């Protein structure tokens, strides 16, 4: 199983594109994804699956959102490993403590 995070853009902002995180979690579990966790009302969902094709994962999530919530929401899916690699290779200027002189 691979661990992923799905970032859903523009949901639950100022009363627009409202999606219940509990319902979203249930829908992810029906796809079927495992170990599903949502983060606050942010639209960020962490899950595991044996599927490794990110395009297929993304398409299935976007289709589920359209079908269930009648919303066209852009979704970005990234593996935990890819996210960790990106954070380990962050540029030195990215640290806000180092930006004080900018």
C-alpha atoms as a PDB file:
ATOM      1  CA  UNK A   1       0.000   0.000   0.000  1.00  0.00           C
ATOM      2  CA  UNK A   2       1.150   3.493  -0.845  1.00  0.00           C
ATOM      3  CA  UNK A   3       0.228   6.517   1.296  1.00  0.00           C
ATOM      4  CA  UNK A   4      -1.072   9.597  -0.561  1.00  0.00           C
ATOM      5  CA  UNK A   5      -2.511  13.008   0.135  1.00  0.00           C
ATOM      6  CA  UNK A   6      -5.243  14.497  -2.013  1.00  0.00           C
ATOM      7  CA  UNK A   7      -5.503  18.286  -1.997  1.00  0.00           C
ATOM      8  CA  UNK A   8      -8.928  19.491  -3.082  1.00  0.00           C
ATOM      9  CA  UNK A   9      -8.925  23.055  -4.310  1.00  0.00           C
ATOM     10  CA  UNK A  10     -11.517  25.595  -3.293  1.00  0.00           C
ATOM     11  CA  UNK A  11     -13.866  23.661  -1.054  1.00  0.00           C
ATOM     12  CA  UNK A  12     -15.527  24.967   2.109  1.00  0.00           C
ATOM     13  CA  UNK A  13     -14.352  28.532   1.533  1.00  0.00           C
ATOM     14  CA  UNK A  14     -16.738  31.327   2.489  1.00  0.00           C
ATOM     15  CA  UNK A  15     -19.696  28.973   2.249  1.00  0.00           C
ATOM     16  CA  UNK A  16     -18.896  27.911  -1.325  1.00  0.00           C
ATOM     17  CA  UNK A  17     -18.371  24.374  -2.588  1.00  0.00           C
ATOM     18  CA  UNK A  18     -19.420  22.930   0.754  1.00  0.00           C
ATOM     19  CA  UNK A  19     -18.473  19.318   1.333  1.00  0.00           C
ATOM     20  CA  UNK A  20     -18.915  17.462   4.597  1.00  0.00           C
ATOM     21  CA  UNK A  21     -15.569  15.978   5.620  1.00  0.00           C
ATOM     22  CA  UNK A  22     -17.349  12.937   7.084  1.00  0.00           C
ATOM     23  CA  UNK A  23     -19.182  12.317   3.799  1.00  0.00           C
ATOM     24  CA  UNK A  24     -15.962  12.898   1.838  1.00  0.00           C
ATOM     25  CA  UNK A  25     -14.164  10.356   4.046  1.00  0.00           C
ATOM     26  CA  UNK A  26     -16.928   7.813   3.441  1.00  0.00           C
ATOM     27  CA  UNK A  27     -16.742   8.389  -0.314  1.00  0.00           C
ATOM     28  CA  UNK A  28     -12.960   7.865  -0.311  1.00  0.00           C
ATOM     29  CA  UNK A  29     -13.473   4.599   1.563  1.00  0.00           C
ATOM     30  CA  UNK A  30     -15.954   3.480  -1.105  1.00  0.00           C
ATOM     31  CA  UNK A  31     -13.451   4.047  -3.963  1.00  0.00           C
ATOM     32  CA  UNK A  32     -11.918   1.902  -2.155  1.00  0.00           C
ATOM     33  CA  UNK A  33      -9.104   3.645  -0.342  1.00  0.00           C
ATOM     34  CA  UNK A  34      -7.896   2.656   3.108  1.00  0.00           C
ATOM     35  CA  UNK A  35      -6.767   4.422   6.303  1.00  0.00           C
ATOM     36  CA  UNK A  36      -8.644   7.545   5.163  1.00  0.00           C
ATOM     37  CA  UNK A  37      -8.236  10.683   7.258  1.00  0.00           C
ATOM     38  CA  UNK A  38      -9.464  14.201   6.547  1.00  0.00           C
ATOM     39  CA  UNK A  39      -7.865  17.327   7.922  1.00  0.00           C
ATOM     40  CA  UNK A  40     -10.270  19.838   9.449  1.00  0.00           C
ATOM     41  CA  UNK A  41     -12.489  21.374   6.740  1.00  0.00           C
ATOM     42  CA  UNK A  42      -9.531  21.953   4.446  1.00  0.00           C
ATOM     43  CA  UNK A  43     -10.287  19.419   1.753  1.00  0.00           C
ATOM     44  CA  UNK A  44      -7.029  17.607   2.428  1.00  0.00           C
ATOM     45  CA  UNK A  45      -7.444  13.836   2.553  1.00  0.00           C
ATOM     46  CA  UNK A  46      -4.762  11.318   3.481  1.00  0.00           C
ATOM     47  CA  UNK A  47      -5.291   7.728   2.362  1.00  0.00           C
ATOM     48  CA  UNK A  48      -3.623   4.488   1.316  1.00  0.00           C
ATOM     49  CA  UNK A  49      -4.153   2.368  -1.781  1.00  0.00           C
ATOM     50  CA  UNK A  50      -2.384  -0.303  -3.782  1.00  0.00           C
ATOM     51  CA  UNK A  51      -3.003   1.766  -6.938  1.00  0.00           C
ATOM     52  CA  UNK A  52       0.177   3.490  -8.092  1.00  0.00           C
ATOM     53  CA  UNK A  53      -1.057   5.433 -11.125  1.00  0.00           C
ATOM     54  CA  UNK A  54      -1.610   8.962  -9.812  1.00  0.00           C
ATOM     55  CA  UNK A  55      -3.585   9.989 -12.912  1.00  0.00           C
ATOM     56  CA  UNK A  56      -6.044   7.144 -12.318  1.00  0.00           C
ATOM     57  CA  UNK A  57      -6.321   7.990  -8.621  1.00  0.00           C
ATOM     58  CA  UNK A  58      -6.912  11.663  -9.392  1.00  0.00           C
ATOM     59  CA  UNK A  59      -9.524  10.882 -12.040  1.00  0.00           C
ATOM     60  CA  UNK A  60     -11.419   8.560  -9.719  1.00  0.00           C
ATOM     61  CA  UNK A  61     -11.485  11.211  -6.971  1.00  0.00           C
ATOM     62  CA  UNK A  62     -12.616  13.981  -9.327  1.00  0.00           C
ATOM     63  CA  UNK A  63     -15.336  11.724 -10.784  1.00  0.00           C
ATOM     64  CA  UNK A  64     -16.544  10.759  -7.319  1.00  0.00           C
ATOM     65  CA  UNK A  65     -16.758  14.424  -6.271  1.00  0.00           C
ATOM     66  CA  UNK A  66     -18.680  15.331  -9.440  1.00  0.00           C
ATOM     67  CA  UNK A  67     -21.083  12.411  -9.018  1.00  0.00           C
ATOM     68  CA  UNK A  68     -21.606  12.746  -5.261  1.00  0.00           C
ATOM     69  CA  UNK A  69     -21.438  16.507  -4.696  1.00  0.00           C
ATOM     70  CA  UNK A  70     -22.088  17.835  -8.235  1.00  0.00           C
ATOM     71  CA  UNK A  71     -18.905  19.921  -8.065  1.00  0.00           C
ATOM     72  CA  UNK A  72     -15.991  20.230 -10.484  1.00  0.00           C
ATOM     73  CA  UNK A  73     -13.119  20.421  -8.034  1.00  0.00           C
ATOM     74  CA  UNK A  74      -9.464  20.311  -9.141  1.00  0.00           C
ATOM     75  CA  UNK A  75      -7.584  17.617  -7.218  1.00  0.00           C
ATOM     76  CA  UNK A  76      -3.840  17.236  -6.713  1.00  0.00           C
ATOM     77  CA  UNK A  77      -2.635  13.831  -5.515  1.00  0.00           C
ATOM     78  CA  UNK A  78       0.913  13.332  -4.280  1.00  0.00           C
ATOM     79  CA  UNK A  79       2.498  10.339  -2.599  1.00  0.00           C
ATOM     80  CA  UNK A  80       3.830  10.655   0.920  1.00  0.00           C
ATOM     81  CA  UNK A  81       7.270   9.683  -0.362  1.00  0.00           C
ATOM     82  CA  UNK A  82       7.250  12.388  -3.067  1.00  0.00           C
ATOM     83  CA  UNK A  83       6.116  15.003  -0.566  1.00  0.00           C
ATOM     84  CA  UNK A  84       8.844  14.002   1.889  1.00  0.00           C
ATOM     85  CA  UNK A  85      11.465  14.143  -0.892  1.00  0.00           C
ATOM     86  CA  UNK A  86      10.306  17.615  -1.929  1.00  0.00           C
ATOM     87  CA  UNK A  87      10.460  18.903   1.638  1.00  0.00           C
ATOM     88  CA  UNK A  88      13.942  17.456   2.174  1.00  0.00           C
ATOM     89  CA  UNK A  89      15.147  19.264  -0.944  1.00  0.00           C
ATOM     90  CA  UNK A  90      13.584  22.608  -0.113  1.00  0.00           C
ATOM     91  CA  UNK A  91      15.666  25.591  -1.151  1.00  0.00           C
ATOM     92  CA  UNK A  92      17.432  27.399   1.676  1.00  0.00           C
ATOM     93  CA  UNK A  93      15.525  30.625   0.916  1.00  0.00           C
ATOM     94  CA  UNK A  94      12.218  28.866   1.695  1.00  0.00           C
ATOM     95  CA  UNK A  95      12.764  28.990   5.461  1.00  0.00           C
ATOM     96  CA  UNK A  96      10.801  32.004   6.721  1.00  0.00           C
ATOM     97  CA  UNK A  97      13.345  32.602   9.482  1.00  0.00           C
ATOM     98  CA  UNK A  98      16.011  33.158   6.838  1.00  0.00           C
ATOM     99  CA  UNK A  99      13.807  35.579   4.874  1.00  0.00           C
ATOM    100  CA  UNK A 100      13.926  38.373   7.431  1.00  0.00           C
ATOM    101  CA  UNK A 101      16.543  40.244   5.419  1.00  0.00           C
ATOM    102  CA  UNK A 102      14.492  40.132   2.177  1.00  0.00           C
END
